[in-house]
């Protein structure tokens, strides 16, 4: 069984692919890669798969970052070199912008999720605190006692004292006034717990945000250093390329000069 022929990208295929990527920006919306692949297949009449198209774009960017323009000179014309390099620069900028925006969106999403969690915890604590505290029956029975009727022997002494109004409760002498402040103490305790919990969560949330911001700044700095390194390497490659071109020009000029000298010598030799 014969193996299927392996499809290869020519420089014209590369230009078609890079034009579509720069035009549609599939990094912004991944579904656009399908459109890019369809247009490349229609334009080149080669059945490139979606995966093949995406991997080839990454391959071109890596080769360009590593070898620069010298790699493109293996085939094609000067105009094609210039267009390909310009398109690669556009695609690389789109890719970097996508990575930056993706990190920014992740940080923002994390902040929103933490804010929602903090609000939910705060609402739960408020519900617990605002729920009415039931007073136990033992507390009521211990604080309110029935009225004791006076005995006949004490009628004379009770006549001089202020009479008790029927229905007015008499507090037990053994009941401590501090027991009536139980619900108040519970509410104060709940308020203190709520404040301390919220303070702890807010501090923790603040520290996490600061840590993420530091990571984000470090990532930005790393990208900036990579860009500077890439620009420096690009300048070095261009300088080497210019030097090679100048050396070739000098060799060509020397070769022409030698040919002129030989031509003159031959003319002198054959001159009668």
C-alpha atoms as a PDB file:
ATOM      1  CA  UNK A   1       0.000   0.000   0.000  1.00  0.00           C
ATOM      2  CA  UNK A   2       1.508   3.304  -1.096  1.00  0.00           C
ATOM      3  CA  UNK A   3       2.028   5.953   1.551  1.00  0.00           C
ATOM      4  CA  UNK A   4       0.142   9.235   1.064  1.00  0.00           C
ATOM      5  CA  UNK A   5       2.268  12.008  -0.364  1.00  0.00           C
ATOM      6  CA  UNK A   6       3.518  14.401   2.304  1.00  0.00           C
ATOM      7  CA  UNK A   7       2.349  17.951   1.716  1.00  0.00           C
ATOM      8  CA  UNK A   8       5.003  20.643   1.877  1.00  0.00           C
ATOM      9  CA  UNK A   9       4.676  24.393   2.169  1.00  0.00           C
ATOM     10  CA  UNK A  10       6.359  26.482  -0.494  1.00  0.00           C
ATOM     11  CA  UNK A  11       7.208  30.134   0.042  1.00  0.00           C
ATOM     12  CA  UNK A  12       4.022  31.056  -1.829  1.00  0.00           C
ATOM     13  CA  UNK A  13       2.021  28.786   0.490  1.00  0.00           C
ATOM     14  CA  UNK A  14       3.679  30.451   3.486  1.00  0.00           C
ATOM     15  CA  UNK A  15       2.683  33.882   2.216  1.00  0.00           C
ATOM     16  CA  UNK A  16      -0.937  32.789   1.704  1.00  0.00           C
ATOM     17  CA  UNK A  17      -1.058  31.315   5.206  1.00  0.00           C
ATOM     18  CA  UNK A  18       0.542  34.313   6.915  1.00  0.00           C
ATOM     19  CA  UNK A  19      -1.725  36.749   5.081  1.00  0.00           C
ATOM     20  CA  UNK A  20      -4.837  34.949   6.323  1.00  0.00           C
ATOM     21  CA  UNK A  21      -3.540  34.736   9.901  1.00  0.00           C
ATOM     22  CA  UNK A  22      -2.657  38.437   9.941  1.00  0.00           C
ATOM     23  CA  UNK A  23      -6.053  39.305   8.446  1.00  0.00           C
ATOM     24  CA  UNK A  24      -8.331  37.113  10.615  1.00  0.00           C
ATOM     25  CA  UNK A  25      -6.269  37.028  13.856  1.00  0.00           C
ATOM     26  CA  UNK A  26      -7.295  33.505  14.988  1.00  0.00           C
ATOM     27  CA  UNK A  27      -5.524  34.073  18.308  1.00  0.00           C
ATOM     28  CA  UNK A  28      -8.413  36.329  19.286  1.00  0.00           C
ATOM     29  CA  UNK A  29     -11.004  33.634  18.504  1.00  0.00           C
ATOM     30  CA  UNK A  30      -9.868  30.027  18.038  1.00  0.00           C
ATOM     31  CA  UNK A  31     -12.744  29.147  15.678  1.00  0.00           C
ATOM     32  CA  UNK A  32     -11.155  31.390  13.055  1.00  0.00           C
ATOM     33  CA  UNK A  33      -8.359  28.844  12.561  1.00  0.00           C
ATOM     34  CA  UNK A  34     -10.870  26.720  10.662  1.00  0.00           C
ATOM     35  CA  UNK A  35     -11.565  29.603   8.270  1.00  0.00           C
ATOM     36  CA  UNK A  36      -7.817  30.186   7.846  1.00  0.00           C
ATOM     37  CA  UNK A  37      -7.272  26.518   6.968  1.00  0.00           C
ATOM     38  CA  UNK A  38     -10.164  26.496   4.480  1.00  0.00           C
ATOM     39  CA  UNK A  39      -8.887  29.593   2.690  1.00  0.00           C
ATOM     40  CA  UNK A  40      -5.342  28.228   2.527  1.00  0.00           C
ATOM     41  CA  UNK A  41      -6.613  24.944   1.053  1.00  0.00           C
ATOM     42  CA  UNK A  42      -8.696  26.804  -1.535  1.00  0.00           C
ATOM     43  CA  UNK A  43      -5.832  29.111  -2.498  1.00  0.00           C
ATOM     44  CA  UNK A  44      -3.062  26.490  -2.654  1.00  0.00           C
ATOM     45  CA  UNK A  45      -5.166  23.503  -3.805  1.00  0.00           C
ATOM     46  CA  UNK A  46      -3.357  21.427  -1.174  1.00  0.00           C
ATOM     47  CA  UNK A  47      -5.313  19.518   1.453  1.00  0.00           C
ATOM     48  CA  UNK A  48      -3.602  20.949   4.549  1.00  0.00           C
ATOM     49  CA  UNK A  49      -5.281  19.951   7.812  1.00  0.00           C
ATOM     50  CA  UNK A  50      -6.228  22.404  10.549  1.00  0.00           C
ATOM     51  CA  UNK A  51      -3.536  21.009  12.838  1.00  0.00           C
ATOM     52  CA  UNK A  52      -0.946  21.216  10.064  1.00  0.00           C
ATOM     53  CA  UNK A  53      -1.774  24.878   9.445  1.00  0.00           C
ATOM     54  CA  UNK A  54      -1.491  25.859  13.127  1.00  0.00           C
ATOM     55  CA  UNK A  55       1.743  23.926  13.655  1.00  0.00           C
ATOM     56  CA  UNK A  56       3.301  25.420  10.518  1.00  0.00           C
ATOM     57  CA  UNK A  57       2.616  28.962  11.756  1.00  0.00           C
ATOM     58  CA  UNK A  58       4.376  28.153  15.042  1.00  0.00           C
ATOM     59  CA  UNK A  59       7.222  26.541  13.085  1.00  0.00           C
ATOM     60  CA  UNK A  60       7.693  29.645  10.925  1.00  0.00           C
ATOM     61  CA  UNK A  61       7.768  31.901  13.992  1.00  0.00           C
ATOM     62  CA  UNK A  62      10.361  29.714  15.732  1.00  0.00           C
ATOM     63  CA  UNK A  63      12.588  29.515  12.639  1.00  0.00           C
ATOM     64  CA  UNK A  64      12.353  33.269  12.138  1.00  0.00           C
ATOM     65  CA  UNK A  65      13.231  33.965  15.791  1.00  0.00           C
ATOM     66  CA  UNK A  66      16.200  31.577  15.665  1.00  0.00           C
ATOM     67  CA  UNK A  67      17.709  32.177  12.215  1.00  0.00           C
ATOM     68  CA  UNK A  68      16.158  35.425  11.047  1.00  0.00           C
ATOM     69  CA  UNK A  69      15.984  36.470   7.418  1.00  0.00           C
ATOM     70  CA  UNK A  70      18.898  34.265   6.379  1.00  0.00           C
ATOM     71  CA  UNK A  71      16.602  31.224   6.443  1.00  0.00           C
ATOM     72  CA  UNK A  72      14.213  32.811   3.915  1.00  0.00           C
ATOM     73  CA  UNK A  73      16.955  33.354   1.344  1.00  0.00           C
ATOM     74  CA  UNK A  74      17.073  29.664   0.554  1.00  0.00           C
ATOM     75  CA  UNK A  75      14.210  30.173  -1.893  1.00  0.00           C
ATOM     76  CA  UNK A  76      12.142  33.015  -3.282  1.00  0.00           C
ATOM     77  CA  UNK A  77      12.772  36.589  -4.333  1.00  0.00           C
ATOM     78  CA  UNK A  78      13.709  39.721  -2.413  1.00  0.00           C
ATOM     79  CA  UNK A  79      10.114  40.973  -2.492  1.00  0.00           C
ATOM     80  CA  UNK A  80       8.879  37.686  -1.086  1.00  0.00           C
ATOM     81  CA  UNK A  81      11.496  37.862   1.690  1.00  0.00           C
ATOM     82  CA  UNK A  82      10.356  41.335   2.670  1.00  0.00           C
ATOM     83  CA  UNK A  83       6.660  40.443   2.636  1.00  0.00           C
ATOM     84  CA  UNK A  84       7.208  37.247   4.597  1.00  0.00           C
ATOM     85  CA  UNK A  85       9.246  39.000   7.266  1.00  0.00           C
ATOM     86  CA  UNK A  86       6.632  41.750   7.612  1.00  0.00           C
ATOM     87  CA  UNK A  87       3.812  39.215   7.931  1.00  0.00           C
ATOM     88  CA  UNK A  88       5.741  37.205  10.514  1.00  0.00           C
ATOM     89  CA  UNK A  89       6.250  40.360  12.561  1.00  0.00           C
ATOM     90  CA  UNK A  90       2.492  41.051  12.458  1.00  0.00           C
ATOM     91  CA  UNK A  91       1.626  37.479  13.460  1.00  0.00           C
ATOM     92  CA  UNK A  92       4.156  37.534  16.285  1.00  0.00           C
ATOM     93  CA  UNK A  93       2.661  40.790  17.603  1.00  0.00           C
ATOM     94  CA  UNK A  94      -0.833  39.254  17.508  1.00  0.00           C
ATOM     95  CA  UNK A  95       0.408  36.197  19.399  1.00  0.00           C
ATOM     96  CA  UNK A  96       2.100  38.288  22.101  1.00  0.00           C
ATOM     97  CA  UNK A  97      -0.971  40.510  22.488  1.00  0.00           C
ATOM     98  CA  UNK A  98      -3.135  37.407  22.938  1.00  0.00           C
ATOM     99  CA  UNK A  99      -0.858  36.044  25.665  1.00  0.00           C
ATOM    100  CA  UNK A 100      -0.836  39.354  27.531  1.00  0.00           C
ATOM    101  CA  UNK A 101      -4.612  39.789  27.353  1.00  0.00           C
ATOM    102  CA  UNK A 102      -5.104  36.167  28.445  1.00  0.00           C
ATOM    103  CA  UNK A 103      -3.050  36.695  31.601  1.00  0.00           C
ATOM    104  CA  UNK A 104      -4.852  39.953  32.349  1.00  0.00           C
ATOM    105  CA  UNK A 105      -8.261  38.280  31.969  1.00  0.00           C
ATOM    106  CA  UNK A 106      -7.217  35.441  34.289  1.00  0.00           C
ATOM    107  CA  UNK A 107      -6.159  37.909  36.987  1.00  0.00           C
ATOM    108  CA  UNK A 108      -9.407  39.866  36.642  1.00  0.00           C
ATOM    109  CA  UNK A 109     -11.482  36.669  36.756  1.00  0.00           C
ATOM    110  CA  UNK A 110      -9.671  35.527  39.897  1.00  0.00           C
ATOM    111  CA  UNK A 111     -10.376  38.874  41.567  1.00  0.00           C
ATOM    112  CA  UNK A 112     -14.092  38.671  40.734  1.00  0.00           C
ATOM    113  CA  UNK A 113     -14.341  35.121  42.091  1.00  0.00           C
ATOM    114  CA  UNK A 114     -12.682  36.115  45.365  1.00  0.00           C
ATOM    115  CA  UNK A 115     -14.936  39.155  45.736  1.00  0.00           C
ATOM    116  CA  UNK A 116     -18.026  36.979  45.261  1.00  0.00           C
ATOM    117  CA  UNK A 117     -16.759  34.435  47.807  1.00  0.00           C
ATOM    118  CA  UNK A 118     -16.077  37.214  50.310  1.00  0.00           C
ATOM    119  CA  UNK A 119     -19.579  38.633  49.864  1.00  0.00           C
ATOM    120  CA  UNK A 120     -21.161  35.194  50.311  1.00  0.00           C
ATOM    121  CA  UNK A 121     -19.280  34.619  53.566  1.00  0.00           C
ATOM    122  CA  UNK A 122     -20.284  38.066  54.815  1.00  0.00           C
ATOM    123  CA  UNK A 123     -23.954  37.414  53.993  1.00  0.00           C
ATOM    124  CA  UNK A 124     -23.840  34.058  55.776  1.00  0.00           C
ATOM    125  CA  UNK A 125     -22.417  35.631  58.923  1.00  0.00           C
ATOM    126  CA  UNK A 126     -25.081  38.343  58.865  1.00  0.00           C
ATOM    127  CA  UNK A 127     -27.840  35.730  58.633  1.00  0.00           C
ATOM    128  CA  UNK A 128     -26.409  33.852  61.599  1.00  0.00           C
ATOM    129  CA  UNK A 129     -26.164  37.001  63.705  1.00  0.00           C
ATOM    130  CA  UNK A 130     -29.548  38.434  62.774  1.00  0.00           C
ATOM    131  CA  UNK A 131     -31.368  35.153  63.514  1.00  0.00           C
ATOM    132  CA  UNK A 132     -33.366  35.652  66.756  1.00  0.00           C
ATOM    133  CA  UNK A 133     -31.951  33.859  69.745  1.00  0.00           C
ATOM    134  CA  UNK A 134     -34.564  31.703  71.466  1.00  0.00           C
ATOM    135  CA  UNK A 135     -34.864  32.091  75.219  1.00  0.00           C
ATOM    136  CA  UNK A 136     -34.917  28.713  76.981  1.00  0.00           C
ATOM    137  CA  UNK A 137     -37.887  27.826  79.156  1.00  0.00           C
ATOM    138  CA  UNK A 138     -35.632  27.138  82.129  1.00  0.00           C
ATOM    139  CA  UNK A 139     -34.461  30.734  81.934  1.00  0.00           C
ATOM    140  CA  UNK A 140     -38.053  32.025  82.020  1.00  0.00           C
ATOM    141  CA  UNK A 141     -39.029  29.771  84.924  1.00  0.00           C
ATOM    142  CA  UNK A 142     -36.003  30.811  86.910  1.00  0.00           C
ATOM    143  CA  UNK A 143     -36.475  34.531  86.425  1.00  0.00           C
ATOM    144  CA  UNK A 144     -40.233  34.775  86.974  1.00  0.00           C
ATOM    145  CA  UNK A 145     -41.852  33.184  90.071  1.00  0.00           C
ATOM    146  CA  UNK A 146     -45.569  32.971  91.034  1.00  0.00           C
ATOM    147  CA  UNK A 147     -46.970  35.401  93.628  1.00  0.00           C
ATOM    148  CA  UNK A 148     -46.851  34.082  97.177  1.00  0.00           C
ATOM    149  CA  UNK A 149     -50.121  34.665  99.124  1.00  0.00           C
ATOM    150  CA  UNK A 150     -49.670  36.225 102.564  1.00  0.00           C
ATOM    151  CA  UNK A 151     -50.337  33.992 105.601  1.00  0.00           C
ATOM    152  CA  UNK A 152     -52.755  35.061 108.351  1.00  0.00           C
ATOM    153  CA  UNK A 153     -49.920  35.542 110.779  1.00  0.00           C
ATOM    154  CA  UNK A 154     -48.253  38.029 108.557  1.00  0.00           C
ATOM    155  CA  UNK A 155     -51.399  40.011 107.654  1.00  0.00           C
ATOM    156  CA  UNK A 156     -50.620  42.749 110.152  1.00  0.00           C
ATOM    157  CA  UNK A 157     -47.101  43.208 108.900  1.00  0.00           C
ATOM    158  CA  UNK A 158     -48.134  43.076 105.285  1.00  0.00           C
ATOM    159  CA  UNK A 159     -50.792  45.776 105.814  1.00  0.00           C
ATOM    160  CA  UNK A 160     -48.096  48.353 106.461  1.00  0.00           C
ATOM    161  CA  UNK A 161     -46.075  47.364 103.394  1.00  0.00           C
ATOM    162  CA  UNK A 162     -46.914  48.232  99.825  1.00  0.00           C
ATOM    163  CA  UNK A 163     -49.368  45.668  98.422  1.00  0.00           C
ATOM    164  CA  UNK A 164     -48.367  43.618  95.432  1.00  0.00           C
ATOM    165  CA  UNK A 165     -50.324  44.102  92.281  1.00  0.00           C
ATOM    166  CA  UNK A 166     -51.799  40.918  90.924  1.00  0.00           C
ATOM    167  CA  UNK A 167     -50.035  39.756  87.807  1.00  0.00           C
ATOM    168  CA  UNK A 168     -46.746  41.527  88.601  1.00  0.00           C
ATOM    169  CA  UNK A 169     -43.883  39.036  88.560  1.00  0.00           C
ATOM    170  CA  UNK A 170     -41.457  38.764  91.412  1.00  0.00           C
ATOM    171  CA  UNK A 171     -37.792  38.155  90.522  1.00  0.00           C
ATOM    172  CA  UNK A 172     -36.223  35.267  92.343  1.00  0.00           C
ATOM    173  CA  UNK A 173     -33.551  36.381  94.793  1.00  0.00           C
ATOM    174  CA  UNK A 174     -31.263  33.625  93.515  1.00  0.00           C
ATOM    175  CA  UNK A 175     -31.461  34.928  89.928  1.00  0.00           C
ATOM    176  CA  UNK A 176     -28.371  36.800  88.852  1.00  0.00           C
ATOM    177  CA  UNK A 177     -28.937  39.958  86.746  1.00  0.00           C
ATOM    178  CA  UNK A 178     -26.065  38.900  84.537  1.00  0.00           C
ATOM    179  CA  UNK A 179     -28.139  36.009  83.189  1.00  0.00           C
ATOM    180  CA  UNK A 180     -30.495  38.401  81.442  1.00  0.00           C
ATOM    181  CA  UNK A 181     -27.647  39.784  79.380  1.00  0.00           C
ATOM    182  CA  UNK A 182     -26.927  36.395  77.742  1.00  0.00           C
ATOM    183  CA  UNK A 183     -28.449  37.255  74.331  1.00  0.00           C
ATOM    184  CA  UNK A 184     -26.554  40.559  74.320  1.00  0.00           C
ATOM    185  CA  UNK A 185     -23.290  38.791  75.010  1.00  0.00           C
ATOM    186  CA  UNK A 186     -24.035  36.313  72.220  1.00  0.00           C
ATOM    187  CA  UNK A 187     -24.691  39.138  69.779  1.00  0.00           C
ATOM    188  CA  UNK A 188     -21.475  40.923  70.777  1.00  0.00           C
ATOM    189  CA  UNK A 189     -19.564  37.678  70.412  1.00  0.00           C
ATOM    190  CA  UNK A 190     -21.058  37.092  66.963  1.00  0.00           C
ATOM    191  CA  UNK A 191     -20.230  40.652  65.904  1.00  0.00           C
ATOM    192  CA  UNK A 192     -16.647  40.246  67.078  1.00  0.00           C
ATOM    193  CA  UNK A 193     -16.360  36.934  65.246  1.00  0.00           C
ATOM    194  CA  UNK A 194     -17.775  38.487  62.090  1.00  0.00           C
ATOM    195  CA  UNK A 195     -15.365  41.423  62.188  1.00  0.00           C
ATOM    196  CA  UNK A 196     -12.320  39.260  62.836  1.00  0.00           C
ATOM    197  CA  UNK A 197     -13.304  36.797  60.100  1.00  0.00           C
ATOM    198  CA  UNK A 198     -13.934  39.540  57.560  1.00  0.00           C
ATOM    199  CA  UNK A 199     -10.663  41.246  58.477  1.00  0.00           C
ATOM    200  CA  UNK A 200      -8.764  37.985  58.042  1.00  0.00           C
ATOM    201  CA  UNK A 201     -10.399  37.273  54.675  1.00  0.00           C
ATOM    202  CA  UNK A 202      -9.797  40.802  53.446  1.00  0.00           C
ATOM    203  CA  UNK A 203      -6.117  40.680  54.418  1.00  0.00           C
ATOM    204  CA  UNK A 204      -5.684  37.295  52.783  1.00  0.00           C
ATOM    205  CA  UNK A 205      -7.474  38.483  49.650  1.00  0.00           C
ATOM    206  CA  UNK A 206      -5.281  41.591  49.554  1.00  0.00           C
ATOM    207  CA  UNK A 207      -2.092  39.534  49.854  1.00  0.00           C
ATOM    208  CA  UNK A 208      -3.183  37.178  47.067  1.00  0.00           C
ATOM    209  CA  UNK A 209      -3.957  40.100  44.761  1.00  0.00           C
ATOM    210  CA  UNK A 210      -0.563  41.673  45.503  1.00  0.00           C
ATOM    211  CA  UNK A 211       1.150  38.353  44.801  1.00  0.00           C
ATOM    212  CA  UNK A 212      -0.685  37.957  41.494  1.00  0.00           C
ATOM    213  CA  UNK A 213       0.139  41.525  40.500  1.00  0.00           C
ATOM    214  CA  UNK A 214       3.824  40.891  41.231  1.00  0.00           C
ATOM    215  CA  UNK A 215       3.691  37.767  39.088  1.00  0.00           C
ATOM    216  CA  UNK A 216       1.983  39.708  36.315  1.00  0.00           C
ATOM    217  CA  UNK A 217       4.643  42.445  36.422  1.00  0.00           C
ATOM    218  CA  UNK A 218       7.419  39.838  36.401  1.00  0.00           C
ATOM    219  CA  UNK A 219       5.841  38.156  33.387  1.00  0.00           C
ATOM    220  CA  UNK A 220       5.610  41.502  31.596  1.00  0.00           C
ATOM    221  CA  UNK A 221       9.261  42.176  32.406  1.00  0.00           C
ATOM    222  CA  UNK A 222      10.245  38.740  31.107  1.00  0.00           C
ATOM    223  CA  UNK A 223       8.390  39.363  27.836  1.00  0.00           C
ATOM    224  CA  UNK A 224      10.045  42.771  27.536  1.00  0.00           C
ATOM    225  CA  UNK A 225      13.496  41.228  28.031  1.00  0.00           C
ATOM    226  CA  UNK A 226      12.739  38.567  25.442  1.00  0.00           C
ATOM    227  CA  UNK A 227      11.678  41.255  22.976  1.00  0.00           C
ATOM    228  CA  UNK A 228      14.877  43.214  23.614  1.00  0.00           C
ATOM    229  CA  UNK A 229      16.927  40.045  23.208  1.00  0.00           C
ATOM    230  CA  UNK A 230      15.132  39.236  19.979  1.00  0.00           C
ATOM    231  CA  UNK A 231      15.716  42.753  18.617  1.00  0.00           C
ATOM    232  CA  UNK A 232      19.391  42.573  19.559  1.00  0.00           C
ATOM    233  CA  UNK A 233      19.813  39.188  17.890  1.00  0.00           C
ATOM    234  CA  UNK A 234      17.946  40.504  14.864  1.00  0.00           C
ATOM    235  CA  UNK A 235      20.328  43.458  14.584  1.00  0.00           C
ATOM    236  CA  UNK A 236      23.307  41.119  14.881  1.00  0.00           C
ATOM    237  CA  UNK A 237      21.920  38.841  12.169  1.00  0.00           C
ATOM    238  CA  UNK A 238      21.266  41.805   9.895  1.00  0.00           C
ATOM    239  CA  UNK A 239      24.788  43.107  10.518  1.00  0.00           C
ATOM    240  CA  UNK A 240      26.284  39.706   9.657  1.00  0.00           C
ATOM    241  CA  UNK A 241      24.112  39.511   6.571  1.00  0.00           C
ATOM    242  CA  UNK A 242      25.188  42.982   5.437  1.00  0.00           C
ATOM    243  CA  UNK A 243      28.803  42.007   6.018  1.00  0.00           C
ATOM    244  CA  UNK A 244      28.388  38.865   3.912  1.00  0.00           C
ATOM    245  CA  UNK A 245      26.726  40.867   1.146  1.00  0.00           C
ATOM    246  CA  UNK A 246      29.544  43.428   1.198  1.00  0.00           C
ATOM    247  CA  UNK A 247      32.164  40.669   1.049  1.00  0.00           C
ATOM    248  CA  UNK A 248      30.398  39.148  -1.948  1.00  0.00           C
ATOM    249  CA  UNK A 249      30.272  42.528  -3.660  1.00  0.00           C
ATOM    250  CA  UNK A 250      33.987  43.013  -3.095  1.00  0.00           C
ATOM    251  CA  UNK A 251      34.737  39.548  -4.461  1.00  0.00           C
ATOM    252  CA  UNK A 252      32.620  40.244  -7.528  1.00  0.00           C
ATOM    253  CA  UNK A 253      34.347  43.608  -8.026  1.00  0.00           C
ATOM    254  CA  UNK A 254      37.784  42.006  -7.695  1.00  0.00           C
ATOM    255  CA  UNK A 255      36.784  39.265 -10.119  1.00  0.00           C
ATOM    256  CA  UNK A 256      35.621  41.845 -12.661  1.00  0.00           C
ATOM    257  CA  UNK A 257      38.834  43.790 -12.182  1.00  0.00           C
ATOM    258  CA  UNK A 258      40.907  40.665 -12.808  1.00  0.00           C
ATOM    259  CA  UNK A 259      38.904  39.928 -15.932  1.00  0.00           C
ATOM    260  CA  UNK A 260      39.524  43.457 -17.197  1.00  0.00           C
ATOM    261  CA  UNK A 261      43.249  43.119 -16.550  1.00  0.00           C
ATOM    262  CA  UNK A 262      43.368  39.751 -18.328  1.00  0.00           C
ATOM    263  CA  UNK A 263      41.441  41.224 -21.225  1.00  0.00           C
ATOM    264  CA  UNK A 264      43.927  44.088 -21.545  1.00  0.00           C
ATOM    265  CA  UNK A 265      46.881  41.696 -21.350  1.00  0.00           C
ATOM    266  CA  UNK A 266      45.403  39.491 -24.040  1.00  0.00           C
ATOM    267  CA  UNK A 267      44.891  42.516 -26.248  1.00  0.00           C
ATOM    268  CA  UNK A 268      48.503  43.559 -25.729  1.00  0.00           C
ATOM    269  CA  UNK A 269      49.751  40.077 -26.522  1.00  0.00           C
ATOM    270  CA  UNK A 270      47.795  39.775 -29.743  1.00  0.00           C
ATOM    271  CA  UNK A 271      48.559  43.333 -30.795  1.00  0.00           C
ATOM    272  CA  UNK A 272      50.846  43.336 -33.907  1.00  0.00           C
END
